Amino acid sequence: MKKIFFLFIAVFFLGQVLFAQNTTFIKGDKVLNLGIGFGSTLYTGSYYTNRIPPVSASFEVGVKDELFDENSSLGIGGYFGYTGAKWDYSGYGWSYSSMIIGARGSLHYQFIDKLDTYTGLMLGFNAVSSKSHGSAGNYDDPVRGGLVYSWYLGGRYYFSDNLAGLLELGYGIAYLNLGVALKF
């Protein structure tokens, strides 16, 4: 009898998880993500030193609920990322800064309560500037850069209705972003 009772309880809670309606990100929600990055592809290699760690901010608005079931939703928004580094060899070198500005679209799916998981695409522009220092002379490169695109995968775990921890993998200003998310 105990086994049947525990099996009933387990099936009930599993059903709650599998058939729960999306409550973490829905149409009309506005979320601000703030993160610090690890594993940047920019400015790596010998003689580079990080001057400014990769930081990012993104803002997203829920625009569509129930894309293919009640646990899915769609969001769109913007992205901003910044980092800087210095390349130095025997007293001369260059200082670089990189700023990525882009638009993102995300597909959200809630697997469990309080966890907003999502994947999406970003299209943006990477503006790069540089300046020489030391015995290399005084040469300023004009701002350069180009189009960037990214696929990303992330999750936000909500500790309260408006505050979440953030983990995002992909390519933006870094491979891994950790931070906080604020829902408005």
N, C-alpha and C. Protein backbone atom coordinates (compact mmCIF):
# COMPACT_ATOMS: atom_id res chain seq x y z
N MET A 1 0.81 -1.19 0.00
CA MET A 1 0.00 0.00 0.00
C MET A 1 0.86 1.26 0.00
N LYS A 2 1.98 1.23 0.78
CA LYS A 2 2.86 2.38 0.81
C LYS A 2 3.46 2.66 -0.56
N LYS A 3 3.83 1.59 -1.28
CA LYS A 3 4.42 1.77 -2.61
C LYS A 3 3.44 2.44 -3.56
N ILE A 4 2.19 2.06 -3.51
CA ILE A 4 1.18 2.66 -4.38
C ILE A 4 0.98 4.13 -4.01
N PHE A 5 0.96 4.42 -2.73
CA PHE A 5 0.80 5.80 -2.28
C PHE A 5 1.97 6.66 -2.77
N PHE A 6 3.21 6.20 -2.60
CA PHE A 6 4.38 6.96 -3.04
C PHE A 6 4.44 7.07 -4.56
N LEU A 7 4.00 6.04 -5.27
CA LEU A 7 3.94 6.11 -6.73
C LEU A 7 2.92 7.16 -7.16
N PHE A 8 1.77 7.21 -6.51
CA PHE A 8 0.76 8.22 -6.81
C PHE A 8 1.31 9.63 -6.58
N ILE A 9 1.99 9.85 -5.46
CA ILE A 9 2.57 11.16 -5.14
C ILE A 9 3.62 11.53 -6.20
N ALA A 10 4.49 10.59 -6.57
CA ALA A 10 5.52 10.86 -7.57
C ALA A 10 4.91 11.22 -8.92
N VAL A 11 3.89 10.50 -9.37
CA VAL A 11 3.23 10.79 -10.63
C VAL A 11 2.55 12.15 -10.58
N PHE A 12 1.95 12.49 -9.44
CA PHE A 12 1.30 13.79 -9.29
C PHE A 12 2.31 14.92 -9.45
N PHE A 13 3.45 14.85 -8.76
CA PHE A 13 4.44 15.92 -8.85
C PHE A 13 5.10 15.97 -10.22
N LEU A 14 5.35 14.82 -10.82
CA LEU A 14 5.91 14.80 -12.18
C LEU A 14 4.93 15.44 -13.16
N GLY A 15 3.66 15.17 -13.00
CA GLY A 15 2.64 15.80 -13.85
C GLY A 15 2.61 17.30 -13.68
N GLN A 16 2.81 17.77 -12.45
CA GLN A 16 2.85 19.21 -12.22
C GLN A 16 4.02 19.85 -12.95
N VAL A 17 5.16 19.17 -12.96
CA VAL A 17 6.35 19.71 -13.64
C VAL A 17 6.16 19.67 -15.15
N LEU A 18 5.69 18.54 -15.67
CA LEU A 18 5.59 18.39 -17.12
C LEU A 18 4.46 19.21 -17.74
N PHE A 19 3.39 19.42 -16.99
CA PHE A 19 2.24 20.09 -17.58
C PHE A 19 1.99 21.48 -16.97
N ALA A 20 3.00 22.02 -16.32
CA ALA A 20 2.86 23.36 -15.74
C ALA A 20 2.83 24.39 -16.86
N GLN A 21 2.01 25.40 -16.68
CA GLN A 21 1.94 26.47 -17.67
C GLN A 21 3.13 27.41 -17.48
N ASN A 22 3.60 27.97 -18.58
CA ASN A 22 4.73 28.89 -18.53
C ASN A 22 4.37 30.10 -17.69
N THR A 23 5.15 30.32 -16.63
CA THR A 23 4.93 31.49 -15.78
C THR A 23 6.19 32.33 -15.64
N THR A 24 7.31 31.88 -16.18
CA THR A 24 8.56 32.61 -16.00
C THR A 24 8.78 33.69 -17.04
N PHE A 25 8.30 33.51 -18.25
CA PHE A 25 8.44 34.54 -19.29
C PHE A 25 7.25 34.45 -20.22
N ILE A 26 6.41 35.49 -20.19
CA ILE A 26 5.20 35.50 -20.99
C ILE A 26 5.08 36.82 -21.74
N LYS A 27 4.12 36.88 -22.63
CA LYS A 27 3.88 38.09 -23.42
C LYS A 27 3.69 39.29 -22.49
N GLY A 28 4.41 40.37 -22.80
CA GLY A 28 4.34 41.58 -22.00
C GLY A 28 5.43 41.71 -20.94
N ASP A 29 6.09 40.61 -20.58
CA ASP A 29 7.18 40.69 -19.61
C ASP A 29 8.34 41.47 -20.20
N LYS A 30 9.03 42.21 -19.35
CA LYS A 30 10.23 42.95 -19.74
C LYS A 30 11.34 42.55 -18.79
N VAL A 31 12.47 42.08 -19.34
CA VAL A 31 13.57 41.56 -18.51
C VAL A 31 14.87 42.22 -18.93
N LEU A 32 15.62 42.70 -17.92
CA LEU A 32 16.94 43.27 -18.12
C LEU A 32 17.96 42.28 -17.58
N ASN A 33 18.89 41.83 -18.43
CA ASN A 33 19.97 40.93 -18.03
C ASN A 33 21.26 41.72 -17.91
N LEU A 34 21.99 41.52 -16.83
CA LEU A 34 23.30 42.13 -16.62
C LEU A 34 24.29 41.02 -16.31
N GLY A 35 25.40 40.97 -17.08
CA GLY A 35 26.32 39.85 -16.89
C GLY A 35 27.78 40.23 -17.02
N ILE A 36 28.61 39.37 -16.49
CA ILE A 36 30.05 39.46 -16.67
C ILE A 36 30.47 38.20 -17.41
N GLY A 37 31.38 38.37 -18.38
CA GLY A 37 31.73 37.28 -19.26
C GLY A 37 33.03 36.60 -18.91
N PHE A 38 33.11 35.34 -19.31
CA PHE A 38 34.31 34.52 -19.15
C PHE A 38 34.56 33.80 -20.47
N GLY A 39 35.82 33.71 -20.88
CA GLY A 39 36.16 32.98 -22.10
C GLY A 39 35.93 33.76 -23.37
N SER A 40 36.34 34.99 -23.40
CA SER A 40 36.15 35.82 -24.59
C SER A 40 37.05 35.36 -25.73
N THR A 41 36.52 35.43 -26.93
CA THR A 41 37.32 35.10 -28.11
C THR A 41 38.10 36.31 -28.59
N LEU A 42 37.79 37.47 -28.04
CA LEU A 42 38.46 38.70 -28.44
C LEU A 42 39.74 38.87 -27.64
N TYR A 43 40.79 39.26 -28.31
CA TYR A 43 42.05 39.63 -27.66
C TYR A 43 42.62 38.49 -26.81
N THR A 44 42.83 37.36 -27.44
CA THR A 44 43.46 36.23 -26.77
C THR A 44 44.81 35.97 -27.41
N GLY A 45 45.67 35.32 -26.69
CA GLY A 45 46.98 34.98 -27.22
C GLY A 45 48.09 35.64 -26.43
N SER A 46 49.31 35.46 -26.91
CA SER A 46 50.48 35.98 -26.23
C SER A 46 50.47 37.50 -26.19
N TYR A 47 50.92 38.05 -25.07
CA TYR A 47 51.12 39.48 -24.84
C TYR A 47 49.84 40.28 -24.67
N TYR A 48 48.69 39.63 -24.67
CA TYR A 48 47.45 40.35 -24.38
C TYR A 48 47.18 40.28 -22.88
N THR A 49 46.76 41.39 -22.34
CA THR A 49 46.32 41.43 -20.95
C THR A 49 44.94 42.06 -20.93
N ASN A 50 44.08 41.52 -20.09
CA ASN A 50 42.74 42.09 -19.99
C ASN A 50 42.80 43.38 -19.19
N ARG A 51 42.24 44.37 -19.74
CA ARG A 51 42.13 45.65 -19.06
C ARG A 51 40.74 45.80 -18.48
N ILE A 52 39.74 45.47 -19.26
CA ILE A 52 38.34 45.54 -18.83
C ILE A 52 37.71 44.18 -19.12
N PRO A 53 37.15 43.52 -18.10
CA PRO A 53 36.52 42.22 -18.37
C PRO A 53 35.28 42.39 -19.24
N PRO A 54 34.92 41.35 -19.98
CA PRO A 54 33.71 41.44 -20.80
C PRO A 54 32.47 41.63 -19.94
N VAL A 55 31.70 42.67 -20.23
CA VAL A 55 30.44 42.91 -19.54
C VAL A 55 29.34 43.01 -20.60
N SER A 56 28.14 42.64 -20.22
CA SER A 56 27.04 42.69 -21.19
C SER A 56 25.74 43.08 -20.49
N ALA A 57 24.86 43.63 -21.29
CA ALA A 57 23.50 43.95 -20.85
C ALA A 57 22.57 43.65 -22.02
N SER A 58 21.45 43.05 -21.73
CA SER A 58 20.45 42.83 -22.77
C SER A 58 19.07 43.10 -22.17
N PHE A 59 18.18 43.51 -23.03
CA PHE A 59 16.81 43.80 -22.63
C PHE A 59 15.89 43.02 -23.55
N GLU A 60 14.87 42.40 -22.97
CA GLU A 60 13.99 41.55 -23.77
C GLU A 60 12.53 41.78 -23.36
N VAL A 61 11.66 41.72 -24.37
CA VAL A 61 10.23 41.87 -24.16
C VAL A 61 9.53 40.63 -24.70
N GLY A 62 8.62 40.06 -23.92
CA GLY A 62 7.83 38.93 -24.39
C GLY A 62 6.80 39.40 -25.39
N VAL A 63 6.79 38.78 -26.60
CA VAL A 63 5.88 39.23 -27.65
C VAL A 63 4.84 38.19 -28.06
N LYS A 64 5.06 36.91 -27.73
CA LYS A 64 4.11 35.87 -28.17
C LYS A 64 4.14 34.72 -27.18
N ASP A 65 2.97 34.27 -26.77
CA ASP A 65 2.83 33.09 -25.91
C ASP A 65 2.38 31.89 -26.72
N GLU A 66 2.60 30.72 -26.16
CA GLU A 66 2.10 29.46 -26.70
C GLU A 66 2.43 29.28 -28.18
N LEU A 67 3.71 29.31 -28.51
CA LEU A 67 4.11 29.09 -29.90
C LEU A 67 3.75 27.70 -30.36
N PHE A 68 4.09 26.69 -29.56
CA PHE A 68 3.72 25.32 -29.93
C PHE A 68 3.06 24.57 -28.78
N ASP A 69 3.14 25.07 -27.55
CA ASP A 69 2.35 24.58 -26.43
C ASP A 69 2.35 25.66 -25.34
N GLU A 70 1.69 25.38 -24.22
CA GLU A 70 1.54 26.41 -23.19
C GLU A 70 2.82 26.75 -22.45
N ASN A 71 3.90 26.01 -22.64
CA ASN A 71 5.17 26.28 -21.96
C ASN A 71 6.13 27.11 -22.79
N SER A 72 5.75 27.51 -23.98
CA SER A 72 6.67 28.22 -24.88
C SER A 72 6.25 29.67 -25.07
N SER A 73 7.25 30.50 -25.34
CA SER A 73 6.99 31.91 -25.62
C SER A 73 8.15 32.46 -26.45
N LEU A 74 7.94 33.66 -27.01
CA LEU A 74 8.93 34.30 -27.87
C LEU A 74 9.23 35.69 -27.33
N GLY A 75 10.51 36.06 -27.31
CA GLY A 75 10.91 37.38 -26.88
C GLY A 75 11.87 38.02 -27.87
N ILE A 76 11.86 39.34 -27.95
CA ILE A 76 12.80 40.07 -28.79
C ILE A 76 13.40 41.20 -27.95
N GLY A 77 14.59 41.65 -28.35
CA GLY A 77 15.21 42.73 -27.61
C GLY A 77 16.56 43.11 -28.16
N GLY A 78 17.31 43.83 -27.36
CA GLY A 78 18.61 44.34 -27.76
C GLY A 78 19.72 43.83 -26.86
N TYR A 79 20.96 43.97 -27.35
CA TYR A 79 22.15 43.48 -26.65
C TYR A 79 23.25 44.53 -26.73
N PHE A 80 23.99 44.68 -25.64
CA PHE A 80 25.16 45.53 -25.60
C PHE A 80 26.25 44.81 -24.83
N GLY A 81 27.45 44.73 -25.42
CA GLY A 81 28.59 44.12 -24.74
C GLY A 81 29.83 44.96 -24.94
N TYR A 82 30.72 44.96 -23.94
CA TYR A 82 31.93 45.77 -24.02
C TYR A 82 33.09 45.05 -23.34
N THR A 83 34.26 45.16 -23.95
CA THR A 83 35.50 44.67 -23.35
C THR A 83 36.66 45.46 -23.92
N GLY A 84 37.76 45.42 -23.22
CA GLY A 84 38.97 46.10 -23.69
C GLY A 84 40.19 45.31 -23.27
N ALA A 85 41.27 45.47 -24.01
CA ALA A 85 42.50 44.75 -23.71
C ALA A 85 43.69 45.56 -24.19
N LYS A 86 44.85 45.17 -23.70
CA LYS A 86 46.08 45.84 -24.07
C LYS A 86 47.06 44.78 -24.56
N TRP A 87 47.68 45.04 -25.70
CA TRP A 87 48.73 44.18 -26.23
C TRP A 87 50.03 44.93 -26.01
N ASP A 88 50.96 44.31 -25.30
CA ASP A 88 52.20 44.99 -24.95
C ASP A 88 53.38 44.05 -25.13
N TYR A 89 54.42 44.54 -25.81
CA TYR A 89 55.63 43.76 -25.99
C TYR A 89 56.83 44.71 -25.91
N SER A 90 57.65 44.55 -24.91
CA SER A 90 58.88 45.33 -24.72
C SER A 90 58.64 46.84 -24.79
N GLY A 91 57.59 47.31 -24.16
CA GLY A 91 57.37 48.74 -24.05
C GLY A 91 56.58 49.38 -25.17
N TYR A 92 56.13 48.63 -26.11
CA TYR A 92 55.24 49.22 -27.13
C TYR A 92 54.07 48.28 -27.35
N GLY A 93 53.04 48.83 -27.93
CA GLY A 93 51.88 48.00 -28.18
C GLY A 93 50.65 48.81 -28.54
N TRP A 94 49.50 48.17 -28.31
CA TRP A 94 48.22 48.75 -28.68
C TRP A 94 47.21 48.52 -27.57
N SER A 95 46.30 49.46 -27.44
CA SER A 95 45.14 49.31 -26.56
C SER A 95 43.91 49.18 -27.45
N TYR A 96 43.10 48.19 -27.16
CA TYR A 96 41.91 47.91 -27.97
C TYR A 96 40.66 47.98 -27.11
N SER A 97 39.57 48.36 -27.72
CA SER A 97 38.26 48.23 -27.08
C SER A 97 37.28 47.72 -28.13
N SER A 98 36.33 46.94 -27.66
CA SER A 98 35.35 46.34 -28.55
C SER A 98 33.96 46.50 -27.94
N MET A 99 33.03 46.97 -28.76
CA MET A 99 31.66 47.18 -28.33
C MET A 99 30.74 46.49 -29.33
N ILE A 100 29.91 45.58 -28.83
CA ILE A 100 28.95 44.87 -29.68
C ILE A 100 27.55 45.39 -29.35
N ILE A 101 26.84 45.81 -30.39
CA ILE A 101 25.45 46.24 -30.26
C ILE A 101 24.64 45.38 -31.23
N GLY A 102 23.56 44.78 -30.73
CA GLY A 102 22.81 43.89 -31.60
C GLY A 102 21.35 43.74 -31.21
N ALA A 103 20.62 43.03 -32.05
CA ALA A 103 19.22 42.67 -31.81
C ALA A 103 19.15 41.16 -31.62
N ARG A 104 18.29 40.74 -30.69
CA ARG A 104 18.18 39.31 -30.38
C ARG A 104 16.72 38.87 -30.42
N GLY A 105 16.54 37.62 -30.78
CA GLY A 105 15.24 36.97 -30.71
C GLY A 105 15.41 35.64 -29.98
N SER A 106 14.54 35.35 -29.00
CA SER A 106 14.70 34.17 -28.15
C SER A 106 13.42 33.35 -28.08
N LEU A 107 13.59 32.04 -28.16
CA LEU A 107 12.51 31.08 -27.93
C LEU A 107 12.67 30.57 -26.50
N HIS A 108 11.64 30.79 -25.68
CA HIS A 108 11.66 30.38 -24.27
C HIS A 108 10.83 29.13 -24.09
N TYR A 109 11.29 28.26 -23.18
CA TYR A 109 10.52 27.08 -22.84
C TYR A 109 10.73 26.77 -21.37
N GLN A 110 9.64 26.65 -20.62
CA GLN A 110 9.72 26.37 -19.19
C GLN A 110 9.58 24.89 -18.96
N PHE A 111 10.68 24.25 -18.51
CA PHE A 111 10.66 22.83 -18.18
C PHE A 111 10.24 22.60 -16.73
N ILE A 112 10.74 23.47 -15.84
CA ILE A 112 10.39 23.34 -14.43
C ILE A 112 10.04 24.73 -13.88
N ASP A 113 9.34 24.74 -12.76
CA ASP A 113 8.91 25.98 -12.13
C ASP A 113 10.11 26.84 -11.75
N LYS A 114 10.02 28.13 -11.96
CA LYS A 114 11.01 29.15 -11.63
C LYS A 114 12.24 29.16 -12.55
N LEU A 115 12.32 28.27 -13.52
CA LEU A 115 13.47 28.23 -14.44
C LEU A 115 13.01 28.59 -15.85
N ASP A 116 13.52 29.69 -16.35
CA ASP A 116 13.23 30.15 -17.71
C ASP A 116 14.42 29.75 -18.58
N THR A 117 14.24 28.75 -19.42
CA THR A 117 15.30 28.35 -20.35
C THR A 117 14.97 28.90 -21.73
N TYR A 118 16.02 29.24 -22.48
CA TYR A 118 15.80 29.86 -23.78
C TYR A 118 16.99 29.63 -24.70
N THR A 119 16.73 29.79 -25.97
CA THR A 119 17.77 29.76 -27.00
C THR A 119 17.39 30.82 -28.02
N GLY A 120 18.39 31.32 -28.74
CA GLY A 120 18.07 32.35 -29.71
C GLY A 120 19.23 32.74 -30.59
N LEU A 121 18.97 33.77 -31.39
CA LEU A 121 19.95 34.29 -32.34
C LEU A 121 20.12 35.79 -32.13
N MET A 122 21.34 36.26 -32.36
CA MET A 122 21.64 37.68 -32.30
C MET A 122 22.30 38.10 -33.60
N LEU A 123 21.96 39.29 -34.07
CA LEU A 123 22.62 39.91 -35.21
C LEU A 123 23.01 41.31 -34.78
N GLY A 124 24.29 41.65 -34.97
CA GLY A 124 24.73 42.95 -34.50
C GLY A 124 25.97 43.45 -35.21
N PHE A 125 26.58 44.48 -34.60
CA PHE A 125 27.78 45.10 -35.14
C PHE A 125 28.81 45.19 -34.03
N ASN A 126 30.05 44.81 -34.35
CA ASN A 126 31.17 44.90 -33.42
C ASN A 126 32.01 46.10 -33.82
N ALA A 127 31.99 47.16 -33.02
CA ALA A 127 32.79 48.36 -33.26
C ALA A 127 34.09 48.23 -32.47
N VAL A 128 35.22 48.29 -33.15
CA VAL A 128 36.53 48.11 -32.52
C VAL A 128 37.33 49.38 -32.71
N SER A 129 38.00 49.82 -31.65
CA SER A 129 38.92 50.96 -31.78
C SER A 129 40.25 50.57 -31.15
N SER A 130 41.32 51.22 -31.60
CA SER A 130 42.64 50.91 -31.08
C SER A 130 43.50 52.16 -31.05
N LYS A 131 44.50 52.14 -30.17
CA LYS A 131 45.42 53.25 -30.03
C LYS A 131 46.79 52.68 -29.66
N SER A 132 47.83 53.20 -30.31
CA SER A 132 49.19 52.73 -30.02
C SER A 132 49.74 53.42 -28.78
N HIS A 133 50.73 52.78 -28.16
CA HIS A 133 51.40 53.38 -27.03
C HIS A 133 52.87 52.92 -27.02
N GLY A 134 53.70 53.66 -26.31
CA GLY A 134 55.11 53.31 -26.19
C GLY A 134 55.90 53.69 -27.43
N SER A 135 56.95 52.93 -27.70
CA SER A 135 57.87 53.24 -28.80
C SER A 135 57.32 52.86 -30.17
N ALA A 136 56.08 52.43 -30.24
CA ALA A 136 55.47 52.09 -31.52
C ALA A 136 55.07 53.34 -32.29
N GLY A 137 55.18 54.49 -31.65
CA GLY A 137 54.74 55.72 -32.30
C GLY A 137 53.36 56.08 -31.80
N ASN A 138 52.79 57.06 -32.40
CA ASN A 138 51.46 57.50 -31.99
C ASN A 138 50.51 57.33 -33.16
N TYR A 139 50.07 56.12 -33.35
CA TYR A 139 49.18 55.80 -34.46
C TYR A 139 47.82 55.44 -33.90
N ASP A 140 46.80 56.05 -34.39
CA ASP A 140 45.43 55.69 -34.03
C ASP A 140 44.79 55.02 -35.22
N ASP A 141 44.27 53.83 -34.97
CA ASP A 141 43.49 53.16 -36.01
C ASP A 141 42.09 53.73 -35.99
N PRO A 142 41.49 53.91 -37.14
CA PRO A 142 40.09 54.33 -37.14
C PRO A 142 39.23 53.19 -36.58
N VAL A 143 38.05 53.53 -36.13
CA VAL A 143 37.13 52.52 -35.63
C VAL A 143 36.84 51.54 -36.76
N ARG A 144 36.94 50.29 -36.46
CA ARG A 144 36.67 49.25 -37.46
C ARG A 144 35.87 48.15 -36.77
N GLY A 145 35.46 47.23 -37.49
CA GLY A 145 34.68 46.13 -36.94
C GLY A 145 33.88 45.49 -38.04
N GLY A 146 32.77 44.95 -37.70
CA GLY A 146 31.95 44.33 -38.71
C GLY A 146 30.73 43.67 -38.11
N LEU A 147 29.96 43.05 -38.99
CA LEU A 147 28.76 42.35 -38.55
C LEU A 147 29.14 41.13 -37.73
N VAL A 148 28.36 40.86 -36.70
CA VAL A 148 28.52 39.66 -35.89
C VAL A 148 27.16 38.99 -35.76
N TYR A 149 27.21 37.69 -35.59
CA TYR A 149 26.00 36.93 -35.33
C TYR A 149 26.32 35.89 -34.28
N SER A 150 25.29 35.43 -33.60
CA SER A 150 25.50 34.52 -32.51
C SER A 150 24.29 33.64 -32.29
N TRP A 151 24.53 32.42 -31.90
CA TRP A 151 23.53 31.53 -31.35
C TRP A 151 23.84 31.44 -29.86
N TYR A 152 22.84 31.45 -29.02
CA TYR A 152 23.07 31.37 -27.58
C TYR A 152 22.02 30.48 -26.93
N LEU A 153 22.37 30.01 -25.75
CA LEU A 153 21.54 29.13 -24.94
C LEU A 153 21.65 29.63 -23.51
N GLY A 154 20.53 29.82 -22.84
CA GLY A 154 20.61 30.37 -21.50
C GLY A 154 19.50 29.92 -20.58
N GLY A 155 19.65 30.34 -19.35
CA GLY A 155 18.65 30.06 -18.34
C GLY A 155 18.66 31.13 -17.27
N ARG A 156 17.47 31.40 -16.76
CA ARG A 156 17.32 32.34 -15.65
C ARG A 156 16.50 31.63 -14.57
N TYR A 157 17.09 31.53 -13.38
CA TYR A 157 16.38 30.92 -12.26
C TYR A 157 15.87 32.04 -11.37
N TYR A 158 14.55 32.11 -11.18
CA TYR A 158 13.92 33.19 -10.43
C TYR A 158 13.89 32.86 -8.94
N PHE A 159 14.57 33.70 -8.15
CA PHE A 159 14.56 33.59 -6.70
C PHE A 159 13.32 34.27 -6.12
N SER A 160 12.80 35.25 -6.84
CA SER A 160 11.55 35.92 -6.49
C SER A 160 10.84 36.24 -7.80
N ASP A 161 9.73 36.94 -7.75
CA ASP A 161 8.99 37.26 -8.97
C ASP A 161 9.79 38.15 -9.92
N ASN A 162 10.72 38.95 -9.38
CA ASN A 162 11.41 39.95 -10.21
C ASN A 162 12.93 39.79 -10.26
N LEU A 163 13.53 38.84 -9.56
CA LEU A 163 14.98 38.70 -9.51
C LEU A 163 15.38 37.27 -9.84
N ALA A 164 16.33 37.16 -10.79
CA ALA A 164 16.80 35.83 -11.21
C ALA A 164 18.31 35.82 -11.35
N GLY A 165 18.88 34.64 -11.19
CA GLY A 165 20.28 34.41 -11.54
C GLY A 165 20.33 34.02 -13.01
N LEU A 166 21.40 34.41 -13.70
CA LEU A 166 21.50 34.24 -15.15
C LEU A 166 22.75 33.44 -15.52
N LEU A 167 22.61 32.51 -16.42
CA LEU A 167 23.73 31.80 -17.03
C LEU A 167 23.42 31.71 -18.52
N GLU A 168 24.37 32.16 -19.34
CA GLU A 168 24.16 32.15 -20.79
C GLU A 168 25.43 31.70 -21.49
N LEU A 169 25.29 30.74 -22.41
CA LEU A 169 26.39 30.24 -23.23
C LEU A 169 26.16 30.67 -24.66
N GLY A 170 27.24 30.95 -25.37
CA GLY A 170 27.13 31.35 -26.77
C GLY A 170 28.21 32.33 -27.11
N TYR A 171 28.02 33.04 -28.19
CA TYR A 171 29.00 34.05 -28.56
C TYR A 171 28.34 35.40 -28.56
N GLY A 172 28.84 36.25 -27.77
CA GLY A 172 28.48 37.66 -27.75
C GLY A 172 29.81 38.34 -27.48
N ILE A 173 29.95 38.89 -26.32
CA ILE A 173 31.22 39.46 -25.92
C ILE A 173 32.08 38.39 -25.25
N ALA A 174 31.45 37.26 -24.83
CA ALA A 174 32.15 36.14 -24.19
C ALA A 174 31.38 34.85 -24.45
N TYR A 175 32.06 33.71 -24.21
CA TYR A 175 31.42 32.40 -24.36
C TYR A 175 30.44 32.09 -23.23
N LEU A 176 30.74 32.59 -22.03
CA LEU A 176 29.92 32.32 -20.85
C LEU A 176 29.64 33.63 -20.14
N ASN A 177 28.37 33.89 -19.86
CA ASN A 177 27.97 35.07 -19.08
C ASN A 177 27.24 34.62 -17.83
N LEU A 178 27.65 35.18 -16.71
CA LEU A 178 26.98 34.96 -15.43
C LEU A 178 26.50 36.30 -14.92
N GLY A 179 25.31 36.32 -14.34
CA GLY A 179 24.82 37.60 -13.85
C GLY A 179 23.46 37.51 -13.21
N VAL A 180 22.75 38.62 -13.28
CA VAL A 180 21.41 38.73 -12.71
C VAL A 180 20.43 39.20 -13.78
N ALA A 181 19.18 38.89 -13.56
CA ALA A 181 18.11 39.35 -14.44
C ALA A 181 17.04 40.00 -13.58
N LEU A 182 16.54 41.13 -14.06
CA LEU A 182 15.50 41.88 -13.36
C LEU A 182 14.26 41.95 -14.24
N LYS A 183 13.14 41.47 -13.72
CA LYS A 183 11.89 41.50 -14.49
C LYS A 183 11.05 42.70 -14.07
N PHE A 184 10.52 43.41 -15.07
CA PHE A 184 9.70 44.58 -14.82
C PHE A 184 8.26 44.30 -15.16
